[in-house]
All heavy atoms as atom14 arrays in JSON, in Angstrom:
{
  "sequence": "WVLTPTPTGCHVLTEENQHGLGARLQKKLLPNRMWNQHQLWLEGLQ",
  "atom14_mask": [
    [1, 1, 1, 1, 1, 1, 1, 1, 1, 1, 1, 1, 1, 1],
    [1, 1, 1, 1, 1, 1, 1, 0, 0, 0, 0, 0, 0, 0],
    [1, 1, 1, 1, 1, 1, 1, 1, 0, 0, 0, 0, 0, 0],
    [1, 1, 1, 1, 1, 1, 1, 0, 0, 0, 0, 0, 0, 0],
    [1, 1, 1, 1, 1, 1, 1, 0, 0, 0, 0, 0, 0, 0],
    [1, 1, 1, 1, 1, 1, 1, 0, 0, 0, 0, 0, 0, 0],
    [1, 1, 1, 1, 1, 1, 1, 0, 0, 0, 0, 0, 0, 0],
    [1, 1, 1, 1, 1, 1, 1, 0, 0, 0, 0, 0, 0, 0],
    [1, 1, 1, 1, 0, 0, 0, 0, 0, 0, 0, 0, 0, 0],
    [1, 1, 1, 1, 1, 1, 0, 0, 0, 0, 0, 0, 0, 0],
    [1, 1, 1, 1, 1, 1, 1, 1, 1, 1, 0, 0, 0, 0],
    [1, 1, 1, 1, 1, 1, 1, 0, 0, 0, 0, 0, 0, 0],
    [1, 1, 1, 1, 1, 1, 1, 1, 0, 0, 0, 0, 0, 0],
    [1, 1, 1, 1, 1, 1, 1, 0, 0, 0, 0, 0, 0, 0],
    [1, 1, 1, 1, 1, 1, 1, 1, 1, 0, 0, 0, 0, 0],
    [1, 1, 1, 1, 1, 1, 1, 1, 1, 0, 0, 0, 0, 0],
    [1, 1, 1, 1, 1, 1, 1, 1, 0, 0, 0, 0, 0, 0],
    [1, 1, 1, 1, 1, 1, 1, 1, 1, 0, 0, 0, 0, 0],
    [1, 1, 1, 1, 1, 1, 1, 1, 1, 1, 0, 0, 0, 0],
    [1, 1, 1, 1, 0, 0, 0, 0, 0, 0, 0, 0, 0, 0],
    [1, 1, 1, 1, 1, 1, 1, 1, 0, 0, 0, 0, 0, 0],
    [1, 1, 1, 1, 0, 0, 0, 0, 0, 0, 0, 0, 0, 0],
    [1, 1, 1, 1, 1, 0, 0, 0, 0, 0, 0, 0, 0, 0],
    [1, 1, 1, 1, 1, 1, 1, 1, 1, 1, 1, 0, 0, 0],
    [1, 1, 1, 1, 1, 1, 1, 1, 0, 0, 0, 0, 0, 0],
    [1, 1, 1, 1, 1, 1, 1, 1, 1, 0, 0, 0, 0, 0],
    [1, 1, 1, 1, 1, 1, 1, 1, 1, 0, 0, 0, 0, 0],
    [1, 1, 1, 1, 1, 1, 1, 1, 1, 0, 0, 0, 0, 0],
    [1, 1, 1, 1, 1, 1, 1, 1, 0, 0, 0, 0, 0, 0],
    [1, 1, 1, 1, 1, 1, 1, 1, 0, 0, 0, 0, 0, 0],
    [1, 1, 1, 1, 1, 1, 1, 0, 0, 0, 0, 0, 0, 0],
    [1, 1, 1, 1, 1, 1, 1, 1, 0, 0, 0, 0, 0, 0],
    [1, 1, 1, 1, 1, 1, 1, 1, 1, 1, 1, 0, 0, 0],
    [1, 1, 1, 1, 1, 1, 1, 1, 0, 0, 0, 0, 0, 0],
    [1, 1, 1, 1, 1, 1, 1, 1, 1, 1, 1, 1, 1, 1],
    [1, 1, 1, 1, 1, 1, 1, 1, 0, 0, 0, 0, 0, 0],
    [1, 1, 1, 1, 1, 1, 1, 1, 1, 0, 0, 0, 0, 0],
    [1, 1, 1, 1, 1, 1, 1, 1, 1, 1, 0, 0, 0, 0],
    [1, 1, 1, 1, 1, 1, 1, 1, 1, 0, 0, 0, 0, 0],
    [1, 1, 1, 1, 1, 1, 1, 1, 0, 0, 0, 0, 0, 0],
    [1, 1, 1, 1, 1, 1, 1, 1, 1, 1, 1, 1, 1, 1],
    [1, 1, 1, 1, 1, 1, 1, 1, 0, 0, 0, 0, 0, 0],
    [1, 1, 1, 1, 1, 1, 1, 1, 1, 0, 0, 0, 0, 0],
    [1, 1, 1, 1, 0, 0, 0, 0, 0, 0, 0, 0, 0, 0],
    [1, 1, 1, 1, 1, 1, 1, 1, 0, 0, 0, 0, 0, 0],
    [1, 1, 1, 1, 1, 1, 1, 1, 1, 0, 0, 0, 0, 0]
  ],
  "atom14_positions": [
    [[-144.87, -126.84, 109.22], [-145.07, -128.34, 108.92], [-143.85, -129.0, 109.56], [-142.75, -128.62, 109.33], [-145.05, -128.61, 107.44], [-146.1, -127.92, 106.62], [-146.12, -126.62, 106.36], [-147.16, -128.48, 105.9], [-147.15, -126.35, 105.49], [-147.83, -127.5, 105.21], [-147.57, -129.81, 105.74], [-148.88, -127.81, 104.41], [-148.65, -130.08, 104.95], [-149.33, -129.06, 104.31]],
    [[-144.14, -130.09, 110.34], [-143.11, -130.99, 110.84], [-143.35, -132.35, 110.32], [-144.44, -132.91, 110.47], [-143.09, -130.96, 112.37], [-142.04, -131.91, 112.92], [-142.9, -129.52, 112.98], [0.0, 0.0, 0.0], [0.0, 0.0, 0.0], [0.0, 0.0, 0.0], [0.0, 0.0, 0.0], [0.0, 0.0, 0.0], [0.0, 0.0, 0.0], [0.0, 0.0, 0.0]],
    [[-142.36, -132.89, 109.68], [-142.46, -134.27, 109.13], [-141.58, -135.24, 109.97], [-140.41, -134.99, 110.1], [-142.03, -134.3, 107.64], [-142.98, -133.56, 106.73], [-142.53, -132.15, 106.58], [-143.03, -134.27, 105.36], [0.0, 0.0, 0.0], [0.0, 0.0, 0.0], [0.0, 0.0, 0.0], [0.0, 0.0, 0.0], [0.0, 0.0, 0.0], [0.0, 0.0, 0.0]],
    [[-142.24, -136.24, 110.48], [-141.48, -137.22, 111.36], [-141.7, -138.61, 110.77], [-142.78, -139.03, 110.4], [-142.21, -137.22, 112.76], [-142.23, -135.89, 113.28], [-141.4, -138.13, 113.73], [0.0, 0.0, 0.0], [0.0, 0.0, 0.0], [0.0, 0.0, 0.0], [0.0, 0.0, 0.0], [0.0, 0.0, 0.0], [0.0, 0.0, 0.0], [0.0, 0.0, 0.0]],
    [[-140.58, -139.36, 110.64], [-140.66, -140.7, 110.06], [-141.44, -141.67, 110.91], [-141.41, -141.58, 112.15], [-139.18, -141.15, 109.99], [-138.46, -140.34, 110.95], [-139.24, -139.03, 111.08], [0.0, 0.0, 0.0], [0.0, 0.0, 0.0], [0.0, 0.0, 0.0], [0.0, 0.0, 0.0], [0.0, 0.0, 0.0], [0.0, 0.0, 0.0], [0.0, 0.0, 0.0]],
    [[-142.12, -142.59, 110.25], [-142.89, -143.68, 110.86], [-142.47, -144.95, 110.18], [-141.92, -144.88, 109.09], [-144.45, -143.48, 110.83], [-144.81, -143.6, 109.48], [-144.82, -142.16, 111.35], [0.0, 0.0, 0.0], [0.0, 0.0, 0.0], [0.0, 0.0, 0.0], [0.0, 0.0, 0.0], [0.0, 0.0, 0.0], [0.0, 0.0, 0.0], [0.0, 0.0, 0.0]],
    [[-142.82, -146.09, 110.69], [-142.5, -147.38, 110.02], [-143.16, -147.47, 108.66], [-142.68, -148.23, 107.76], [-143.04, -148.46, 110.98], [-143.07, -147.86, 112.33], [-143.34, -146.31, 112.08], [0.0, 0.0, 0.0], [0.0, 0.0, 0.0], [0.0, 0.0, 0.0], [0.0, 0.0, 0.0], [0.0, 0.0, 0.0], [0.0, 0.0, 0.0], [0.0, 0.0, 0.0]],
    [[-144.26, -146.86, 108.4], [-144.98, -146.93, 107.13], [-144.88, -145.69, 106.25], [-145.48, -145.64, 105.16], [-146.47, -147.27, 107.37], [-147.01, -146.24, 108.14], [-146.6, -148.62, 108.04], [0.0, 0.0, 0.0], [0.0, 0.0, 0.0], [0.0, 0.0, 0.0], [0.0, 0.0, 0.0], [0.0, 0.0, 0.0], [0.0, 0.0, 0.0], [0.0, 0.0, 0.0]],
    [[-144.11, -144.71, 106.69], [-144.07, -143.46, 105.88], [-143.61, -142.3, 106.77], [-142.5, -142.28, 107.27], [0.0, 0.0, 0.0], [0.0, 0.0, 0.0], [0.0, 0.0, 0.0], [0.0, 0.0, 0.0], [0.0, 0.0, 0.0], [0.0, 0.0, 0.0], [0.0, 0.0, 0.0], [0.0, 0.0, 0.0], [0.0, 0.0, 0.0], [0.0, 0.0, 0.0]],
    [[-144.55, -141.36, 106.95], [-144.25, -140.27, 107.83], [-145.55, -139.65, 108.42], [-146.59, -139.83, 107.85], [-143.39, -139.19, 107.12], [-144.28, -138.19, 105.95], [0.0, 0.0, 0.0], [0.0, 0.0, 0.0], [0.0, 0.0, 0.0], [0.0, 0.0, 0.0], [0.0, 0.0, 0.0], [0.0, 0.0, 0.0], [0.0, 0.0, 0.0], [0.0, 0.0, 0.0]],
    [[-145.34, -138.97, 109.52], [-146.47, -138.22, 110.16], [-146.21, -136.76, 109.9], [-145.13, -136.29, 109.95], [-146.4, -138.54, 111.71], [-147.39, -137.77, 112.45], [-147.1, -136.6, 113.06], [-148.71, -137.98, 112.66], [-148.18, -136.12, 113.64], [-149.21, -136.95, 113.43], [0.0, 0.0, 0.0], [0.0, 0.0, 0.0], [0.0, 0.0, 0.0], [0.0, 0.0, 0.0]],
    [[-147.28, -136.09, 109.51], [-147.19, -134.7, 109.2], [-148.0, -133.88, 110.24], [-149.17, -134.17, 110.39], [-147.71, -134.34, 107.79], [-147.66, -132.88, 107.53], [-146.94, -135.17, 106.76], [0.0, 0.0, 0.0], [0.0, 0.0, 0.0], [0.0, 0.0, 0.0], [0.0, 0.0, 0.0], [0.0, 0.0, 0.0], [0.0, 0.0, 0.0], [0.0, 0.0, 0.0]],
    [[-147.34, -132.97, 110.91], [-147.98, -132.1, 111.89], [-147.96, -130.69, 111.23], [-146.87, -130.19, 110.81], [-147.24, -132.09, 113.17], [-147.67, -131.05, 114.19], [-149.06, -131.4, 114.71], [-146.71, -131.0, 115.39], [0.0, 0.0, 0.0], [0.0, 0.0, 0.0], [0.0, 0.0, 0.0], [0.0, 0.0, 0.0], [0.0, 0.0, 0.0], [0.0, 0.0, 0.0]],
    [[-149.11, -130.02, 111.13], [-149.17, -128.71, 110.55], [-149.93, -127.83, 111.46], [-150.83, -128.23, 112.13], [-149.81, -128.76, 109.11], [-149.85, -127.44, 108.6], [-151.12, -129.4, 109.12], [0.0, 0.0, 0.0], [0.0, 0.0, 0.0], [0.0, 0.0, 0.0], [0.0, 0.0, 0.0], [0.0, 0.0, 0.0], [0.0, 0.0, 0.0], [0.0, 0.0, 0.0]],
    [[-149.47, -126.57, 111.5], [-150.18, -125.57, 112.4], [-150.02, -124.2, 111.74], [-149.01, -123.88, 111.14], [-149.55, -125.55, 113.77], [-150.24, -124.64, 114.74], [-149.75, -124.8, 116.16], [-149.18, -125.79, 116.51], [-149.93, -123.78, 116.9], [0.0, 0.0, 0.0], [0.0, 0.0, 0.0], [0.0, 0.0, 0.0], [0.0, 0.0, 0.0], [0.0, 0.0, 0.0]],
    [[-151.08, -123.4, 111.89], [-151.09, -122.07, 111.37], [-151.71, -121.09, 112.34], [-152.66, -121.45, 113.09], [-151.88, -121.99, 110.05], [-151.83, -120.63, 109.41], [-152.35, -120.63, 107.98], [-152.45, -121.68, 107.36], [-152.68, -119.55, 107.49], [0.0, 0.0, 0.0], [0.0, 0.0, 0.0], [0.0, 0.0, 0.0], [0.0, 0.0, 0.0], [0.0, 0.0, 0.0]],
    [[-151.1, -119.91, 112.42], [-151.66, -118.85, 113.25], [-151.89, -117.66, 112.33], [-151.05, -117.35, 111.51], [-150.67, -118.45, 114.37], [-150.46, -119.5, 115.36], [-151.43, -119.85, 116.07], [-149.27, -120.04, 115.51], [0.0, 0.0, 0.0], [0.0, 0.0, 0.0], [0.0, 0.0, 0.0], [0.0, 0.0, 0.0], [0.0, 0.0, 0.0], [0.0, 0.0, 0.0]],
    [[-153.03, -116.99, 112.53], [-153.32, -115.81, 111.76], [-153.86, -114.71, 112.74], [-154.56, -115.04, 113.67], [-154.41, -116.06, 110.73], [-154.07, -117.02, 109.64], [-155.16, -117.16, 108.58], [-156.19, -116.54, 108.64], [-154.9, -117.98, 107.6], [0.0, 0.0, 0.0], [0.0, 0.0, 0.0], [0.0, 0.0, 0.0], [0.0, 0.0, 0.0], [0.0, 0.0, 0.0]],
    [[-153.43, -113.47, 112.42], [-153.78, -112.36, 113.26], [-154.13, -111.14, 112.36], [-153.69, -111.13, 111.26], [-152.62, -111.98, 114.16], [-152.11, -113.05, 115.06], [-152.75, -113.37, 116.24], [-151.13, -113.93, 114.94], [-152.17, -114.38, 116.82], [-151.11, -114.72, 116.01], [0.0, 0.0, 0.0], [0.0, 0.0, 0.0], [0.0, 0.0, 0.0], [0.0, 0.0, 0.0]],
    [[-155.01, -110.33, 112.85], [-155.38, -109.14, 112.1], [-156.86, -109.12, 111.76], [-157.58, -110.09, 111.95], [0.0, 0.0, 0.0], [0.0, 0.0, 0.0], [0.0, 0.0, 0.0], [0.0, 0.0, 0.0], [0.0, 0.0, 0.0], [0.0, 0.0, 0.0], [0.0, 0.0, 0.0], [0.0, 0.0, 0.0], [0.0, 0.0, 0.0], [0.0, 0.0, 0.0]],
    [[-157.28, -107.93, 111.29], [-158.75, -107.76, 110.94], [-159.15, -108.68, 109.87], [-160.21, -109.32, 109.99], [-158.97, -106.3, 110.51], [-160.38, -105.96, 110.14], [-161.38, -106.18, 111.24], [-160.4, -104.49, 109.61], [0.0, 0.0, 0.0], [0.0, 0.0, 0.0], [0.0, 0.0, 0.0], [0.0, 0.0, 0.0], [0.0, 0.0, 0.0], [0.0, 0.0, 0.0]],
    [[-158.36, -108.9, 108.84], [-158.7, -109.82, 107.79], [-158.87, -111.21, 108.3], [-159.81, -111.99, 107.86], [0.0, 0.0, 0.0], [0.0, 0.0, 0.0], [0.0, 0.0, 0.0], [0.0, 0.0, 0.0], [0.0, 0.0, 0.0], [0.0, 0.0, 0.0], [0.0, 0.0, 0.0], [0.0, 0.0, 0.0], [0.0, 0.0, 0.0], [0.0, 0.0, 0.0]],
    [[-158.06, -111.66, 109.17], [-158.13, -113.01, 109.74], [-159.4, -113.09, 110.58], [-160.11, -114.16, 110.53], [-156.94, -113.27, 110.61], [0.0, 0.0, 0.0], [0.0, 0.0, 0.0], [0.0, 0.0, 0.0], [0.0, 0.0, 0.0], [0.0, 0.0, 0.0], [0.0, 0.0, 0.0], [0.0, 0.0, 0.0], [0.0, 0.0, 0.0], [0.0, 0.0, 0.0]],
    [[-159.77, -112.09, 111.35], [-160.99, -112.14, 112.14], [-162.26, -112.17, 111.26], [-163.18, -112.96, 111.56], [-161.01, -111.0, 113.17], [-160.03, -111.17, 114.25], [-160.23, -110.18, 115.42], [-160.16, -108.75, 114.96], [-158.99, -108.03, 114.88], [-157.86, -108.65, 115.14], [-159.02, -106.82, 114.5], [0.0, 0.0, 0.0], [0.0, 0.0, 0.0], [0.0, 0.0, 0.0]],
    [[-162.24, -111.38, 110.21], [-163.36, -111.41, 109.24], [-163.51, -112.72, 108.59], [-164.63, -113.25, 108.47], [-163.17, -110.29, 108.21], [-163.41, -108.85, 108.67], [-163.06, -107.86, 107.56], [-164.83, -108.68, 109.12], [0.0, 0.0, 0.0], [0.0, 0.0, 0.0], [0.0, 0.0, 0.0], [0.0, 0.0, 0.0], [0.0, 0.0, 0.0], [0.0, 0.0, 0.0]],
    [[-162.43, -113.3, 108.16], [-162.43, -114.65, 107.5], [-163.05, -115.67, 108.47], [-163.8, -116.53, 108.09], [-161.11, -115.06, 107.09], [-160.99, -116.45, 106.43], [-159.63, -116.84, 106.04], [-159.24, -116.44, 104.96], [-158.94, -117.61, 106.84], [0.0, 0.0, 0.0], [0.0, 0.0, 0.0], [0.0, 0.0, 0.0], [0.0, 0.0, 0.0], [0.0, 0.0, 0.0]],
    [[-162.64, -115.61, 109.75], [-163.16, -116.56, 110.73], [-164.64, -116.43, 110.87], [-165.36, -117.44, 111.01], [-162.45, -116.3, 112.07], [-162.84, -117.32, 113.08], [-162.09, -117.07, 114.39], [-162.5, -118.11, 115.47], [-161.72, -117.92, 116.71], [0.0, 0.0, 0.0], [0.0, 0.0, 0.0], [0.0, 0.0, 0.0], [0.0, 0.0, 0.0], [0.0, 0.0, 0.0]],
    [[-165.15, -115.19, 110.81], [-166.64, -115.02, 110.94], [-167.36, -115.41, 109.61], [-168.44, -116.08, 109.71], [-166.93, -113.54, 111.2], [-166.55, -113.1, 112.61], [-167.53, -113.63, 113.58], [-167.22, -113.1, 114.96], [-168.03, -113.69, 115.96], [0.0, 0.0, 0.0], [0.0, 0.0, 0.0], [0.0, 0.0, 0.0], [0.0, 0.0, 0.0], [0.0, 0.0, 0.0]],
    [[-166.83, -115.02, 108.52], [-167.52, -115.22, 107.21], [-167.3, -116.59, 106.6], [-168.17, -117.16, 105.95], [-167.06, -114.17, 106.2], [-167.45, -112.75, 106.58], [-166.82, -111.76, 105.59], [-168.9, -112.53, 106.75], [0.0, 0.0, 0.0], [0.0, 0.0, 0.0], [0.0, 0.0, 0.0], [0.0, 0.0, 0.0], [0.0, 0.0, 0.0], [0.0, 0.0, 0.0]],
    [[-166.06, -117.17, 106.81], [-165.71, -118.49, 106.22], [-165.06, -119.33, 107.33], [-163.88, -119.58, 107.34], [-164.77, -118.36, 105.09], [-165.23, -117.5, 103.85], [-164.12, -117.11, 102.96], [-166.39, -118.19, 103.16], [0.0, 0.0, 0.0], [0.0, 0.0, 0.0], [0.0, 0.0, 0.0], [0.0, 0.0, 0.0], [0.0, 0.0, 0.0], [0.0, 0.0, 0.0]],
    [[-165.84, -119.74, 108.36], [-165.21, -120.33, 109.57], [-164.43, -121.62, 109.35], [-163.55, -121.92, 110.05], [-166.43, -120.62, 110.46], [-167.59, -120.62, 109.54], [-167.3, -119.75, 108.4], [0.0, 0.0, 0.0], [0.0, 0.0, 0.0], [0.0, 0.0, 0.0], [0.0, 0.0, 0.0], [0.0, 0.0, 0.0], [0.0, 0.0, 0.0], [0.0, 0.0, 0.0]],
    [[-164.67, -122.33, 108.28], [-163.99, -123.6, 108.08], [-162.9, -123.5, 106.94], [-162.28, -124.52, 106.59], [-164.99, -124.71, 107.69], [-165.88, -125.06, 108.89], [-165.43, -125.09, 110.02], [-167.14, -125.25, 108.57], [0.0, 0.0, 0.0], [0.0, 0.0, 0.0], [0.0, 0.0, 0.0], [0.0, 0.0, 0.0], [0.0, 0.0, 0.0], [0.0, 0.0, 0.0]],
    [[-162.65, -122.33, 106.43], [-161.77, -122.2, 105.34], [-160.36, -122.68, 105.58], [-159.78, -123.42, 104.84], [-161.68, -120.73, 104.8], [-160.83, -120.58, 103.59], [-160.81, -119.1, 103.11], [-160.04, -118.96, 101.9], [-158.75, -118.72, 101.93], [-158.11, -118.58, 103.07], [-158.06, -118.6, 100.78], [0.0, 0.0, 0.0], [0.0, 0.0, 0.0], [0.0, 0.0, 0.0]],
    [[-159.77, -122.28, 106.76], [-158.4, -122.69, 107.09], [-158.33, -124.22, 107.23], [-157.42, -124.86, 106.69], [-157.88, -122.03, 108.29], [-156.43, -122.29, 108.5], [-155.58, -121.65, 110.02], [-156.44, -120.18, 110.35], [0.0, 0.0, 0.0], [0.0, 0.0, 0.0], [0.0, 0.0, 0.0], [0.0, 0.0, 0.0], [0.0, 0.0, 0.0], [0.0, 0.0, 0.0]],
    [[-159.3, -124.8, 107.96], [-159.29, -126.29, 108.1], [-159.42, -127.0, 106.75], [-158.74, -127.94, 106.46], [-160.48, -126.75, 108.94], [-160.28, -126.36, 110.44], [-160.93, -125.34, 111.05], [-159.35, -126.87, 111.36], [-160.45, -125.23, 112.37], [-159.5, -126.18, 112.58], [-158.47, -127.95, 111.27], [-158.78, -126.48, 113.71], [-157.71, -128.24, 112.45], [-157.84, -127.51, 113.62]],
    [[-160.3, -126.48, 105.86], [-160.54, -127.07, 104.55], [-159.25, -126.99, 103.72], [-158.88, -127.97, 103.02], [-161.7, -126.45, 103.84], [-163.01, -126.72, 104.52], [-163.17, -127.73, 105.23], [-164.01, -125.93, 104.26], [0.0, 0.0, 0.0], [0.0, 0.0, 0.0], [0.0, 0.0, 0.0], [0.0, 0.0, 0.0], [0.0, 0.0, 0.0], [0.0, 0.0, 0.0]],
    [[-158.6, -125.82, 103.76], [-157.31, -125.66, 103.0], [-156.26, -126.62, 103.47], [-155.54, -127.17, 102.71], [-156.86, -124.2, 103.03], [-157.72, -123.29, 102.22], [-157.75, -123.65, 100.79], [-158.78, -123.93, 100.26], [-156.62, -123.65, 100.07], [0.0, 0.0, 0.0], [0.0, 0.0, 0.0], [0.0, 0.0, 0.0], [0.0, 0.0, 0.0], [0.0, 0.0, 0.0]],
    [[-156.16, -126.71, 104.81], [-155.18, -127.68, 105.32], [-155.41, -129.1, 104.85], [-154.47, -129.86, 104.57], [-155.12, -127.6, 106.87], [-154.45, -126.31, 107.36], [-153.65, -126.33, 108.45], [-154.49, -125.02, 106.98], [-153.13, -125.12, 108.64], [-153.69, -124.32, 107.76], [0.0, 0.0, 0.0], [0.0, 0.0, 0.0], [0.0, 0.0, 0.0], [0.0, 0.0, 0.0]],
    [[-156.67, -129.46, 104.9], [-157.02, -130.82, 104.42], [-156.63, -131.05, 102.97], [-156.09, -132.07, 102.64], [-158.53, -131.09, 104.65], [-158.92, -132.53, 104.34], [-158.34, -133.52, 105.26], [-158.1, -133.26, 106.49], [-157.92, -134.69, 104.78], [0.0, 0.0, 0.0], [0.0, 0.0, 0.0], [0.0, 0.0, 0.0], [0.0, 0.0, 0.0], [0.0, 0.0, 0.0]],
    [[-156.9, -130.05, 102.18], [-156.5, -130.15, 100.73], [-155.0, -130.26, 100.59], [-154.49, -131.04, 99.78], [-157.05, -128.97, 99.95], [-158.57, -128.89, 99.71], [-158.98, -127.62, 99.12], [-159.02, -130.07, 98.9], [0.0, 0.0, 0.0], [0.0, 0.0, 0.0], [0.0, 0.0, 0.0], [0.0, 0.0, 0.0], [0.0, 0.0, 0.0], [0.0, 0.0, 0.0]],
    [[-154.25, -129.47, 101.31], [-152.79, -129.55, 101.25], [-152.28, -130.88, 101.67], [-151.42, -131.44, 101.02], [-152.15, -128.46, 102.16], [-152.28, -127.08, 101.72], [-152.56, -126.59, 100.48], [-152.15, -125.92, 102.52], [-152.58, -125.24, 100.45], [-152.28, -124.77, 101.69], [-151.82, -125.71, 103.87], [-152.17, -123.48, 102.17], [-151.68, -124.42, 104.35], [-151.89, -123.33, 103.46]],
    [[-152.84, -131.49, 102.78], [-152.42, -132.78, 103.19], [-152.75, -133.9, 102.24], [-151.95, -134.77, 101.94], [-153.0, -133.03, 104.56], [-152.44, -132.23, 105.74], [-153.26, -132.37, 107.01], [-151.0, -132.58, 106.01], [0.0, 0.0, 0.0], [0.0, 0.0, 0.0], [0.0, 0.0, 0.0], [0.0, 0.0, 0.0], [0.0, 0.0, 0.0], [0.0, 0.0, 0.0]],
    [[-153.93, -133.78, 101.68], [-154.35, -134.76, 100.65], [-153.48, -134.68, 99.41], [-153.04, -135.69, 98.78], [-155.77, -134.61, 100.19], [-156.73, -134.99, 101.38], [-158.2, -134.63, 101.05], [-158.52, -134.1, 99.97], [-158.99, -134.85, 102.01], [0.0, 0.0, 0.0], [0.0, 0.0, 0.0], [0.0, 0.0, 0.0], [0.0, 0.0, 0.0], [0.0, 0.0, 0.0]],
    [[-153.08, -133.51, 98.98], [-152.19, -133.32, 97.82], [-150.78, -133.83, 98.17], [-150.16, -134.43, 97.32], [0.0, 0.0, 0.0], [0.0, 0.0, 0.0], [0.0, 0.0, 0.0], [0.0, 0.0, 0.0], [0.0, 0.0, 0.0], [0.0, 0.0, 0.0], [0.0, 0.0, 0.0], [0.0, 0.0, 0.0], [0.0, 0.0, 0.0], [0.0, 0.0, 0.0]],
    [[-150.31, -133.54, 99.34], [-148.99, -134.05, 99.75], [-149.0, -135.61, 99.74], [-148.04, -136.19, 99.21], [-148.68, -133.56, 101.19], [-147.37, -134.02, 101.75], [-146.19, -133.55, 101.01], [-147.29, -133.54, 103.25], [0.0, 0.0, 0.0], [0.0, 0.0, 0.0], [0.0, 0.0, 0.0], [0.0, 0.0, 0.0], [0.0, 0.0, 0.0], [0.0, 0.0, 0.0]],
    [[-150.04, -136.22, 100.21], [-150.13, -137.68, 100.2], [-150.15, -138.22, 98.8], [-149.47, -139.15, 98.51], [-151.38, -138.12, 100.95], [-151.53, -139.64, 101.0], [-152.77, -140.13, 101.73], [-153.73, -139.39, 101.98], [-152.79, -141.36, 102.09], [0.0, 0.0, 0.0], [0.0, 0.0, 0.0], [0.0, 0.0, 0.0], [0.0, 0.0, 0.0], [0.0, 0.0, 0.0]]
  ]
}
C-alpha cells in the first residue's frame, strides 16, 4: 500500500501478487475474490 497526500485527504495505491498452485486454483474457482477483498479493505480504511 502506498499512501500519498492530496488536497482533500490521501490517495491509496494497493497492489498484490500471488504465486503458486493455491493462487492459480483460487483464480479459477473464485476469480473476483482478490478484487473484492481489496475493495472491502479500502472501504474499511475510508
